[in-house]
């Protein structure tokens, strides 16, 4: 996969991480501005995803990499910032996501 497509996926994942964090923060603070930012964020995420599909039609690879990176990074944010805990099976699932991202990157 070309570097520019990986950059677009990075932008997509970053936008979704900000969106998920905003919604998580809304659940903690009950400040509705974070709810509205989260809703707006998912509209932006949908637009970015649609654009990536428009310029690169490999839905399977694009969507899989996006989801796997999202699983890994959202898990890291949950653990480090929000001090959430995951059990052994959940850790195993994240490890499998990492393995799948490596396998998907092989051309």
Foldseek 3Di string as FASTA:
>chain_A
DDPVLVVLLVVLLVLLLQLVVLVVVCVVPVPCVSVVSNVVSVVVSVVSVVVSCVVPVPVVLSVLLSVLVNLLVNVVCCCPPVVDDDDPVSVVVNVVSVVVNVVSPDD
